Amino acid sequence: MVTTEFLDRPGLAASTVRSYEFTLLPLLQQYGQWSLELLDRQTLEEYLNSLSHLSFKTHHRHQAILQALLNFAVEQGYLRSNPMTRMKRRKPDPAKGEHDSD
């Protein structure tokens, strides 16, 4: 499975692997039985939009890790292209007290 290969790459710190596992687990629970090629842009956008309970910074981290996984899948020949290429990131929601600076 591409996710296992992604997480087993040499040089990843144990804390990074745990963070990636925690981030990817909801995606795998929902779509883990799907063939990787079926995860198209619309499906991935819908998945990311379903994470509305996350702060926008955490949401960005989820999107970045998913992007990295799919880039790895392309590099390893599992996918021809990454469906998330140039996907826009969620903007901060001022109603939740979110802002785009530290």
PDB file of N, CA and C in Angstrom:
ATOM      1  N   MET A   1       0.848  -1.190   0.000  1.00  0.00           N
ATOM      2  CA  MET A   1       0.000   0.000   0.000  1.00  0.00           C
ATOM      3  C   MET A   1       0.885   1.242   0.000  1.00  0.00           C
ATOM      4  N   VAL A   2       0.508   2.208  -0.800  1.00  0.00           N
ATOM      5  CA  VAL A   2       1.329   3.404  -0.968  1.00  0.00           C
ATOM      6  C   VAL A   2       1.473   4.175   0.347  1.00  0.00           C
ATOM      7  N   THR A   3       0.446   4.176   1.169  1.00  0.00           N
ATOM      8  CA  THR A   3       0.534   4.911   2.435  1.00  0.00           C
ATOM      9  C   THR A   3       1.598   4.298   3.335  1.00  0.00           C
ATOM     10  N   THR A   4       1.651   2.977   3.390  1.00  0.00           N
ATOM     11  CA  THR A   4       2.666   2.297   4.202  1.00  0.00           C
ATOM     12  C   THR A   4       4.059   2.629   3.695  1.00  0.00           C
ATOM     13  N   GLU A   5       4.246   2.594   2.381  1.00  0.00           N
ATOM     14  CA  GLU A   5       5.544   2.949   1.813  1.00  0.00           C
ATOM     15  C   GLU A   5       5.901   4.400   2.131  1.00  0.00           C
ATOM     16  N   PHE A   6       4.910   5.281   2.048  1.00  0.00           N
ATOM     17  CA  PHE A   6       5.119   6.704   2.350  1.00  0.00           C
ATOM     18  C   PHE A   6       5.589   6.882   3.790  1.00  0.00           C
ATOM     19  N   LEU A   7       4.962   6.166   4.711  1.00  0.00           N
ATOM     20  CA  LEU A   7       5.296   6.292   6.134  1.00  0.00           C
ATOM     21  C   LEU A   7       6.593   5.573   6.501  1.00  0.00           C
ATOM     22  N   ASP A   8       6.973   4.586   5.711  1.00  0.00           N
ATOM     23  CA  ASP A   8       8.178   3.800   5.999  1.00  0.00           C
ATOM     24  C   ASP A   8       9.438   4.360   5.339  1.00  0.00           C
ATOM     25  N   ARG A   9       9.348   5.533   4.736  1.00  0.00           N
ATOM     26  CA  ARG A   9      10.524   6.111   4.088  1.00  0.00           C
ATOM     27  C   ARG A   9      11.637   6.336   5.107  1.00  0.00           C
ATOM     28  N   PRO A  10      12.877   6.070   4.710  1.00  0.00           N
ATOM     29  CA  PRO A  10      13.989   6.305   5.633  1.00  0.00           C
ATOM     30  C   PRO A  10      14.139   7.794   5.942  1.00  0.00           C
ATOM     31  N   GLY A  11      14.556   8.067   7.152  1.00  0.00           N
ATOM     32  CA  GLY A  11      14.857   9.442   7.535  1.00  0.00           C
ATOM     33  C   GLY A  11      13.710  10.186   8.203  1.00  0.00           C
ATOM     34  N   LEU A  12      12.519   9.577   8.252  1.00  0.00           N
ATOM     35  CA  LEU A  12      11.409  10.241   8.923  1.00  0.00           C
ATOM     36  C   LEU A  12      11.502  10.008  10.428  1.00  0.00           C
ATOM     37  N   ALA A  13      11.383  11.064  11.183  1.00  0.00           N
ATOM     38  CA  ALA A  13      11.384  10.944  12.640  1.00  0.00           C
ATOM     39  C   ALA A  13      10.115  10.225  13.098  1.00  0.00           C
ATOM     40  N   ALA A  14      10.210   9.519  14.196  1.00  0.00           N
ATOM     41  CA  ALA A  14       9.055   8.789  14.724  1.00  0.00           C
ATOM     42  C   ALA A  14       7.882   9.738  14.983  1.00  0.00           C
ATOM     43  N   SER A  15       8.177  10.950  15.455  1.00  0.00           N
ATOM     44  CA  SER A  15       7.102  11.911  15.725  1.00  0.00           C
ATOM     45  C   SER A  15       6.433  12.351  14.420  1.00  0.00           C
ATOM     46  N   THR A  16       7.199  12.460  13.358  1.00  0.00           N
ATOM     47  CA  THR A  16       6.637  12.818  12.052  1.00  0.00           C
ATOM     48  C   THR A  16       5.735  11.704  11.551  1.00  0.00           C
ATOM     49  N   VAL A  17       6.177  10.469  11.677  1.00  0.00           N
ATOM     50  CA  VAL A  17       5.371   9.323  11.245  1.00  0.00           C
ATOM     51  C   VAL A  17       4.057   9.289  12.022  1.00  0.00           C
ATOM     52  N   ARG A  18       4.121   9.496  13.343  1.00  0.00           N
ATOM     53  CA  ARG A  18       2.890   9.511  14.158  1.00  0.00           C
ATOM     54  C   ARG A  18       1.955  10.630  13.706  1.00  0.00           C
ATOM     55  N   SER A  19       2.501  11.807  13.434  1.00  0.00           N
ATOM     56  CA  SER A  19       1.694  12.937  12.974  1.00  0.00           C
ATOM     57  C   SER A  19       1.038  12.609  11.636  1.00  0.00           C
ATOM     58  N   TYR A  20       1.807  12.040  10.710  1.00  0.00           N
ATOM     59  CA  TYR A  20       1.271  11.666   9.410  1.00  0.00           C
ATOM     60  C   TYR A  20       0.183  10.603   9.560  1.00  0.00           C
ATOM     61  N   GLU A  21       0.421   9.602  10.417  1.00  0.00           N
ATOM     62  CA  GLU A  21      -0.580   8.553  10.637  1.00  0.00           C
ATOM     63  C   GLU A  21      -1.881   9.154  11.175  1.00  0.00           C
ATOM     64  N   PHE A  22      -1.759  10.031  12.164  1.00  0.00           N
ATOM     65  CA  PHE A  22      -2.931  10.669  12.760  1.00  0.00           C
ATOM     66  C   PHE A  22      -3.691  11.479  11.719  1.00  0.00           C
ATOM     67  N   THR A  23      -2.961  12.166  10.846  1.00  0.00           N
ATOM     68  CA  THR A  23      -3.570  13.003   9.820  1.00  0.00           C
ATOM     69  C   THR A  23      -4.230  12.167   8.729  1.00  0.00           C
ATOM     70  N   LEU A  24      -3.583  11.082   8.325  1.00  0.00           N
ATOM     71  CA  LEU A  24      -4.088  10.279   7.213  1.00  0.00           C
ATOM     72  C   LEU A  24      -5.148   9.262   7.628  1.00  0.00           C
ATOM     73  N   LEU A  25      -5.249   8.949   8.916  1.00  0.00           N
ATOM     74  CA  LEU A  25      -6.192   7.927   9.367  1.00  0.00           C
ATOM     75  C   LEU A  25      -7.645   8.196   8.957  1.00  0.00           C
ATOM     76  N   PRO A  26      -8.171   9.411   9.144  1.00  0.00           N
ATOM     77  CA  PRO A  26      -9.559   9.653   8.720  1.00  0.00           C
ATOM     78  C   PRO A  26      -9.763   9.436   7.213  1.00  0.00           C
ATOM     79  N   LEU A  27      -8.786   9.843   6.417  1.00  0.00           N
ATOM     80  CA  LEU A  27      -8.868   9.633   4.970  1.00  0.00           C
ATOM     81  C   LEU A  27      -8.886   8.136   4.660  1.00  0.00           C
ATOM     82  N   LEU A  28      -8.002   7.387   5.315  1.00  0.00           N
ATOM     83  CA  LEU A  28      -7.930   5.945   5.066  1.00  0.00           C
ATOM     84  C   LEU A  28      -9.190   5.232   5.544  1.00  0.00           C
ATOM     85  N   GLN A  29      -9.761   5.695   6.654  1.00  0.00           N
ATOM     86  CA  GLN A  29     -11.005   5.090   7.131  1.00  0.00           C
ATOM     87  C   GLN A  29     -12.134   5.295   6.124  1.00  0.00           C
ATOM     88  N   GLN A  30     -12.137   6.430   5.478  1.00  0.00           N
ATOM     89  CA  GLN A  30     -13.198   6.754   4.528  1.00  0.00           C
ATOM     90  C   GLN A  30     -12.945   6.170   3.145  1.00  0.00           C
ATOM     91  N   TYR A  31     -11.688   6.211   2.684  1.00  0.00           N
ATOM     92  CA  TYR A  31     -11.386   5.846   1.296  1.00  0.00           C
ATOM     93  C   TYR A  31     -10.327   4.755   1.155  1.00  0.00           C
ATOM     94  N   GLY A  32      -9.918   4.141   2.242  1.00  0.00           N
ATOM     95  CA  GLY A  32      -8.832   3.167   2.214  1.00  0.00           C
ATOM     96  C   GLY A  32      -9.079   1.956   1.343  1.00  0.00           C
ATOM     97  N   GLN A  33     -10.334   1.611   1.103  1.00  0.00           N
ATOM     98  CA  GLN A  33     -10.646   0.456   0.268  1.00  0.00           C
ATOM     99  C   GLN A  33     -10.700   0.812  -1.218  1.00  0.00           C
ATOM    100  N   TRP A  34     -10.653   2.094  -1.521  1.00  0.00           N
ATOM    101  CA  TRP A  34     -10.718   2.559  -2.910  1.00  0.00           C
ATOM    102  C   TRP A  34      -9.375   2.339  -3.588  1.00  0.00           C
ATOM    103  N   SER A  35      -9.406   2.150  -4.892  1.00  0.00           N
ATOM    104  CA  SER A  35      -8.193   2.182  -5.685  1.00  0.00           C
ATOM    105  C   SER A  35      -7.704   3.628  -5.697  1.00  0.00           C
ATOM    106  N   LEU A  36      -6.403   3.807  -5.601  1.00  0.00           N
ATOM    107  CA  LEU A  36      -5.829   5.151  -5.518  1.00  0.00           C
ATOM    108  C   LEU A  36      -6.255   6.047  -6.679  1.00  0.00           C
ATOM    109  N   GLU A  37      -6.408   5.464  -7.851  1.00  0.00           N
ATOM    110  CA  GLU A  37      -6.781   6.239  -9.036  1.00  0.00           C
ATOM    111  C   GLU A  37      -8.177   6.852  -8.922  1.00  0.00           C
ATOM    112  N   LEU A  38      -9.011   6.313  -8.036  1.00  0.00           N
ATOM    113  CA  LEU A  38     -10.371   6.831  -7.880  1.00  0.00           C
ATOM    114  C   LEU A  38     -10.422   8.099  -7.031  1.00  0.00           C
ATOM    115  N   LEU A  39      -9.333   8.422  -6.343  1.00  0.00           N
ATOM    116  CA  LEU A  39      -9.298   9.643  -5.535  1.00  0.00           C
ATOM    117  C   LEU A  39      -9.032  10.825  -6.461  1.00  0.00           C
ATOM    118  N   ASP A  40     -10.101  11.313  -7.060  1.00  0.00           N
ATOM    119  CA  ASP A  40      -9.973  12.436  -7.984  1.00  0.00           C
ATOM    120  C   ASP A  40     -10.049  13.759  -7.228  1.00  0.00           C
ATOM    121  N   ARG A  41      -9.858  14.837  -7.952  1.00  0.00           N
ATOM    122  CA  ARG A  41      -9.823  16.170  -7.345  1.00  0.00           C
ATOM    123  C   ARG A  41     -11.118  16.483  -6.584  1.00  0.00           C
ATOM    124  N   GLN A  42     -12.254  16.177  -7.187  1.00  0.00           N
ATOM    125  CA  GLN A  42     -13.532  16.478  -6.534  1.00  0.00           C
ATOM    126  C   GLN A  42     -13.668  15.713  -5.218  1.00  0.00           C
ATOM    127  N   THR A  43     -13.325  14.444  -5.212  1.00  0.00           N
ATOM    128  CA  THR A  43     -13.408  13.640  -3.997  1.00  0.00           C
ATOM    129  C   THR A  43     -12.496  14.200  -2.917  1.00  0.00           C
ATOM    130  N   LEU A  44     -11.289  14.576  -3.306  1.00  0.00           N
ATOM    131  CA  LEU A  44     -10.337  15.127  -2.344  1.00  0.00           C
ATOM    132  C   LEU A  44     -10.778  16.487  -1.824  1.00  0.00           C
ATOM    133  N   GLU A  45     -11.346  17.317  -2.685  1.00  0.00           N
ATOM    134  CA  GLU A  45     -11.873  18.610  -2.228  1.00  0.00           C
ATOM    135  C   GLU A  45     -13.029  18.401  -1.253  1.00  0.00           C
ATOM    136  N   GLU A  46     -13.918  17.458  -1.565  1.00  0.00           N
ATOM    137  CA  GLU A  46     -15.032  17.168  -0.661  1.00  0.00           C
ATOM    138  C   GLU A  46     -14.520  16.659   0.681  1.00  0.00           C
ATOM    139  N   TYR A  47     -13.513  15.796   0.646  1.00  0.00           N
ATOM    140  CA  TYR A  47     -12.934  15.296   1.888  1.00  0.00           C
ATOM    141  C   TYR A  47     -12.357  16.450   2.709  1.00  0.00           C
ATOM    142  N   LEU A  48     -11.541  17.281   2.074  1.00  0.00           N
ATOM    143  CA  LEU A  48     -10.931  18.402   2.794  1.00  0.00           C
ATOM    144  C   LEU A  48     -11.996  19.364   3.309  1.00  0.00           C
ATOM    145  N   ASN A  49     -13.037  19.615   2.532  1.00  0.00           N
ATOM    146  CA  ASN A  49     -14.124  20.492   2.990  1.00  0.00           C
ATOM    147  C   ASN A  49     -14.861  19.897   4.181  1.00  0.00           C
ATOM    148  N   SER A  50     -14.853  18.578   4.307  1.00  0.00           N
ATOM    149  CA  SER A  50     -15.523  17.934   5.441  1.00  0.00           C
ATOM    150  C   SER A  50     -14.749  18.133   6.743  1.00  0.00           C
ATOM    151  N   LEU A  51     -13.532  18.622   6.649  1.00  0.00           N
ATOM    152  CA  LEU A  51     -12.705  18.849   7.836  1.00  0.00           C
ATOM    153  C   LEU A  51     -12.899  20.254   8.386  1.00  0.00           C
ATOM    154  N   SER A  52     -14.095  20.772   8.285  1.00  0.00           N
ATOM    155  CA  SER A  52     -14.381  22.154   8.684  1.00  0.00           C
ATOM    156  C   SER A  52     -14.208  22.379  10.184  1.00  0.00           C
ATOM    157  N   HIS A  53     -14.179  21.315  10.976  1.00  0.00           N
ATOM    158  CA  HIS A  53     -13.999  21.446  12.421  1.00  0.00           C
ATOM    159  C   HIS A  53     -12.549  21.793  12.793  1.00  0.00           C
ATOM    160  N   LEU A  54     -11.646  21.640  11.840  1.00  0.00           N
ATOM    161  CA  LEU A  54     -10.234  21.926  12.098  1.00  0.00           C
ATOM    162  C   LEU A  54      -9.945  23.413  11.923  1.00  0.00           C
ATOM    163  N   SER A  55      -8.988  23.916  12.694  1.00  0.00           N
ATOM    164  CA  SER A  55      -8.544  25.288  12.464  1.00  0.00           C
ATOM    165  C   SER A  55      -7.931  25.347  11.074  1.00  0.00           C
ATOM    166  N   PHE A  56      -7.843  26.515  10.502  1.00  0.00           N
ATOM    167  CA  PHE A  56      -7.347  26.585   9.134  1.00  0.00           C
ATOM    168  C   PHE A  56      -5.878  26.179   9.058  1.00  0.00           C
ATOM    169  N   LYS A  57      -5.099  26.417  10.105  1.00  0.00           N
ATOM    170  CA  LYS A  57      -3.697  25.995  10.085  1.00  0.00           C
ATOM    171  C   LYS A  57      -3.582  24.470  10.133  1.00  0.00           C
ATOM    172  N   THR A  58      -4.405  23.833  10.942  1.00  0.00           N
ATOM    173  CA  THR A  58      -4.420  22.375  10.990  1.00  0.00           C
ATOM    174  C   THR A  58      -4.941  21.821   9.670  1.00  0.00           C
ATOM    175  N   HIS A  59      -5.927  22.487   9.115  1.00  0.00           N
ATOM    176  CA  HIS A  59      -6.466  22.096   7.811  1.00  0.00           C
ATOM    177  C   HIS A  59      -5.370  22.167   6.746  1.00  0.00           C
ATOM    178  N   HIS A  60      -4.555  23.220   6.777  1.00  0.00           N
ATOM    179  CA  HIS A  60      -3.445  23.359   5.828  1.00  0.00           C
ATOM    180  C   HIS A  60      -2.448  22.221   6.001  1.00  0.00           C
ATOM    181  N   ARG A  61      -2.193  21.831   7.253  1.00  0.00           N
ATOM    182  CA  ARG A  61      -1.270  20.726   7.512  1.00  0.00           C
ATOM    183  C   ARG A  61      -1.822  19.429   6.921  1.00  0.00           C
ATOM    184  N   HIS A  62      -3.119  19.182   7.121  1.00  0.00           N
ATOM    185  CA  HIS A  62      -3.757  17.990   6.540  1.00  0.00           C
ATOM    186  C   HIS A  62      -3.611  18.008   5.016  1.00  0.00           C
ATOM    187  N   GLN A  63      -3.873  19.151   4.415  1.00  0.00           N
ATOM    188  CA  GLN A  63      -3.787  19.252   2.963  1.00  0.00           C
ATOM    189  C   GLN A  63      -2.345  19.041   2.492  1.00  0.00           C
ATOM    190  N   ALA A  64      -1.384  19.595   3.209  1.00  0.00           N
ATOM    191  CA  ALA A  64       0.024  19.458   2.821  1.00  0.00           C
ATOM    192  C   ALA A  64       0.490  18.005   2.923  1.00  0.00           C
ATOM    193  N   ILE A  65       0.068  17.301   3.959  1.00  0.00           N
ATOM    194  CA  ILE A  65       0.456  15.895   4.121  1.00  0.00           C
ATOM    195  C   ILE A  65      -0.193  15.045   3.037  1.00  0.00           C
ATOM    196  N   LEU A  66      -1.444  15.306   2.743  1.00  0.00           N
ATOM    197  CA  LEU A  66      -2.121  14.580   1.671  1.00  0.00           C
ATOM    198  C   LEU A  66      -1.455  14.870   0.319  1.00  0.00           C
ATOM    199  N   GLN A  67      -1.090  16.118   0.098  1.00  0.00           N
ATOM    200  CA  GLN A  67      -0.369  16.512  -1.120  1.00  0.00           C
ATOM    201  C   GLN A  67       0.949  15.738  -1.215  1.00  0.00           C
ATOM    202  N   ALA A  68       1.680  15.650  -0.108  1.00  0.00           N
ATOM    203  CA  ALA A  68       2.962  14.939  -0.095  1.00  0.00           C
ATOM    204  C   ALA A  68       2.763  13.452  -0.385  1.00  0.00           C
ATOM    205  N   LEU A  69       1.713  12.860   0.190  1.00  0.00           N
ATOM    206  CA  LEU A  69       1.414  11.447  -0.068  1.00  0.00           C
ATOM    207  C   LEU A  69       1.159  11.218  -1.553  1.00  0.00           C
ATOM    208  N   LEU A  70       0.362  12.079  -2.153  1.00  0.00           N
ATOM    209  CA  LEU A  70       0.037  11.908  -3.569  1.00  0.00           C
ATOM    210  C   LEU A  70       1.228  12.218  -4.469  1.00  0.00           C
ATOM    211  N   ASN A  71       2.074  13.162  -4.075  1.00  0.00           N
ATOM    212  CA  ASN A  71       3.321  13.402  -4.818  1.00  0.00           C
ATOM    213  C   ASN A  71       4.194  12.145  -4.773  1.00  0.00           C
ATOM    214  N   PHE A  72       4.269  11.510  -3.605  1.00  0.00           N
ATOM    215  CA  PHE A  72       5.021  10.272  -3.450  1.00  0.00           C
ATOM    216  C   PHE A  72       4.434   9.182  -4.349  1.00  0.00           C
ATOM    217  N   ALA A  73       3.102   9.101  -4.399  1.00  0.00           N
ATOM    218  CA  ALA A  73       2.438   8.106  -5.250  1.00  0.00           C
ATOM    219  C   ALA A  73       2.799   8.312  -6.718  1.00  0.00           C
ATOM    220  N   VAL A  74       2.907   9.569  -7.139  1.00  0.00           N
ATOM    221  CA  VAL A  74       3.312   9.870  -8.514  1.00  0.00           C
ATOM    222  C   VAL A  74       4.771   9.451  -8.727  1.00  0.00           C
ATOM    223  N   GLU A  75       5.643   9.827  -7.796  1.00  0.00           N
ATOM    224  CA  GLU A  75       7.063   9.493  -7.903  1.00  0.00           C
ATOM    225  C   GLU A  75       7.283   7.980  -7.981  1.00  0.00           C
ATOM    226  N   GLN A  76       6.461   7.218  -7.275  1.00  0.00           N
ATOM    227  CA  GLN A  76       6.609   5.766  -7.229  1.00  0.00           C
ATOM    228  C   GLN A  76       5.866   5.062  -8.364  1.00  0.00           C
ATOM    229  N   GLY A  77       5.161   5.830  -9.178  1.00  0.00           N
ATOM    230  CA  GLY A  77       4.469   5.249 -10.325  1.00  0.00           C
ATOM    231  C   GLY A  77       3.076   4.714 -10.041  1.00  0.00           C
ATOM    232  N   TYR A  78       2.516   5.014  -8.879  1.00  0.00           N
ATOM    233  CA  TYR A  78       1.152   4.576  -8.550  1.00  0.00           C
ATOM    234  C   TYR A  78       0.111   5.449  -9.244  1.00  0.00           C
ATOM    235  N   LEU A  79       0.450   6.702  -9.470  1.00  0.00           N
ATOM    236  CA  LEU A  79      -0.432   7.658 -10.144  1.00  0.00           C
ATOM    237  C   LEU A  79       0.339   8.335 -11.264  1.00  0.00           C
ATOM    238  N   ARG A  80      -0.398   8.738 -12.298  1.00  0.00           N
ATOM    239  CA  ARG A  80       0.243   9.474 -13.393  1.00  0.00           C
ATOM    240  C   ARG A  80       0.411  10.946 -13.035  1.00  0.00           C
ATOM    241  N   SER A  81      -0.539  11.487 -12.281  1.00  0.00           N
ATOM    242  CA  SER A  81      -0.448  12.885 -11.858  1.00  0.00           C
ATOM    243  C   SER A  81      -1.156  13.039 -10.512  1.00  0.00           C
ATOM    244  N   ASN A  82      -0.822  14.113  -9.829  1.00  0.00           N
ATOM    245  CA  ASN A  82      -1.411  14.390  -8.522  1.00  0.00           C
ATOM    246  C   ASN A  82      -2.684  15.214  -8.732  1.00  0.00           C
ATOM    247  N   PRO A  83      -3.856  14.674  -8.337  1.00  0.00           N
ATOM    248  CA  PRO A  83      -5.100  15.420  -8.540  1.00  0.00           C
ATOM    249  C   PRO A  83      -5.199  16.679  -7.679  1.00  0.00           C
ATOM    250  N   MET A  84      -4.312  16.837  -6.718  1.00  0.00           N
ATOM    251  CA  MET A  84      -4.356  18.011  -5.844  1.00  0.00           C
ATOM    252  C   MET A  84      -3.469  19.150  -6.338  1.00  0.00           C
ATOM    253  N   THR A  85      -2.775  18.960  -7.444  1.00  0.00           N
ATOM    254  CA  THR A  85      -1.875  19.997  -7.935  1.00  0.00           C
ATOM    255  C   THR A  85      -2.623  21.328  -8.065  1.00  0.00           C
ATOM    256  N   ARG A  86      -2.036  22.351  -7.483  1.00  0.00           N
ATOM    257  CA  ARG A  86      -2.576  23.720  -7.489  1.00  0.00           C
ATOM    258  C   ARG A  86      -3.954  23.849  -6.831  1.00  0.00           C
ATOM    259  N   MET A  87      -4.291  22.942  -5.932  1.00  0.00           N
ATOM    260  CA  MET A  87      -5.553  23.065  -5.199  1.00  0.00           C
ATOM    261  C   MET A  87      -5.408  24.194  -4.182  1.00  0.00           C
ATOM    262  N   LYS A  88      -6.386  25.069  -4.137  1.00  0.00           N
ATOM    263  CA  LYS A  88      -6.342  26.207  -3.214  1.00  0.00           C
ATOM    264  C   LYS A  88      -6.525  25.732  -1.784  1.00  0.00           C
ATOM    265  N   ARG A  89      -5.860  26.454  -0.885  1.00  0.00           N
ATOM    266  CA  ARG A  89      -5.990  26.137   0.545  1.00  0.00           C
ATOM    267  C   ARG A  89      -7.155  26.936   1.127  1.00  0.00           C
ATOM    268  N   ARG A  90      -7.720  26.389   2.189  1.00  0.00           N
ATOM    269  CA  ARG A  90      -8.824  27.058   2.874  1.00  0.00           C
ATOM    270  C   ARG A  90      -8.339  28.374   3.461  1.00  0.00           C
ATOM    271  N   LYS A  91      -9.189  29.374   3.385  1.00  0.00           N
ATOM    272  CA  LYS A  91      -8.875  30.690   3.951  1.00  0.00           C
ATOM    273  C   LYS A  91      -9.301  30.707   5.425  1.00  0.00           C
ATOM    274  N   PRO A  92      -8.661  31.566   6.222  1.00  0.00           N
ATOM    275  CA  PRO A  92      -9.063  31.676   7.623  1.00  0.00           C
ATOM    276  C   PRO A  92     -10.486  32.215   7.743  1.00  0.00           C
ATOM    277  N   ASP A  93     -11.170  31.782   8.779  1.00  0.00           N
ATOM    278  CA  ASP A  93     -12.536  32.213   9.035  1.00  0.00           C
ATOM    279  C   ASP A  93     -12.521  33.208  10.201  1.00  0.00           C
ATOM    280  N   PRO A  94     -12.680  34.496   9.904  1.00  0.00           N
ATOM    281  CA  PRO A  94     -12.635  35.500  10.982  1.00  0.00           C
ATOM    282  C   PRO A  94     -13.706  35.261  12.054  1.00  0.00           C
ATOM    283  N   ALA A  95     -14.830  34.645  11.677  1.00  0.00           N
ATOM    284  CA  ALA A  95     -15.897  34.367  12.651  1.00  0.00           C
ATOM    285  C   ALA A  95     -15.420  33.373  13.719  1.00  0.00           C
ATOM    286  N   LYS A  96     -14.409  32.570  13.383  1.00  0.00           N
ATOM    287  CA  LYS A  96     -13.840  31.620  14.339  1.00  0.00           C
ATOM    288  C   LYS A  96     -12.590  32.190  15.005  1.00  0.00           C
ATOM    289  N   GLY A  97     -12.289  33.461  14.736  1.00  0.00           N
ATOM    290  CA  GLY A  97     -11.104  34.089  15.310  1.00  0.00           C
ATOM    291  C   GLY A  97      -9.826  33.685  14.605  1.00  0.00           C
ATOM    292  N   GLU A  98      -9.933  33.148  13.394  1.00  0.00           N
ATOM    293  CA  GLU A  98      -8.753  32.731  12.648  1.00  0.00           C
ATOM    294  C   GLU A  98      -8.184  33.901  11.871  1.00  0.00           C
ATOM    295  N   HIS A  99      -6.859  33.909  11.749  1.00  0.00           N
ATOM    296  CA  HIS A  99      -6.196  34.915  10.930  1.00  0.00           C
ATOM    297  C   HIS A  99      -5.003  34.257  10.264  1.00  0.00           C
ATOM    298  N   ASP A 100      -4.466  34.917   9.261  1.00  0.00           N
ATOM    299  CA  ASP A 100      -3.423  34.314   8.435  1.00  0.00           C
ATOM    300  C   ASP A 100      -2.023  34.690   8.869  1.00  0.00           C
ATOM    301  N   SER A 101      -1.859  35.178  10.067  1.00  0.00           N
ATOM    302  CA  SER A 101      -0.516  35.523  10.543  1.00  0.00           C
ATOM    303  C   SER A 101      -0.367  35.026  11.971  1.00  0.00           C
ATOM    304  N   ASP A 102       0.875  34.888  12.395  1.00  0.00           N
ATOM    305  CA  ASP A 102       1.111  34.409  13.769  1.00  0.00           C
ATOM    306  C   ASP A 102       1.085  35.550  14.699  1.00  0.00           C
TER     307      ASP A 102
END
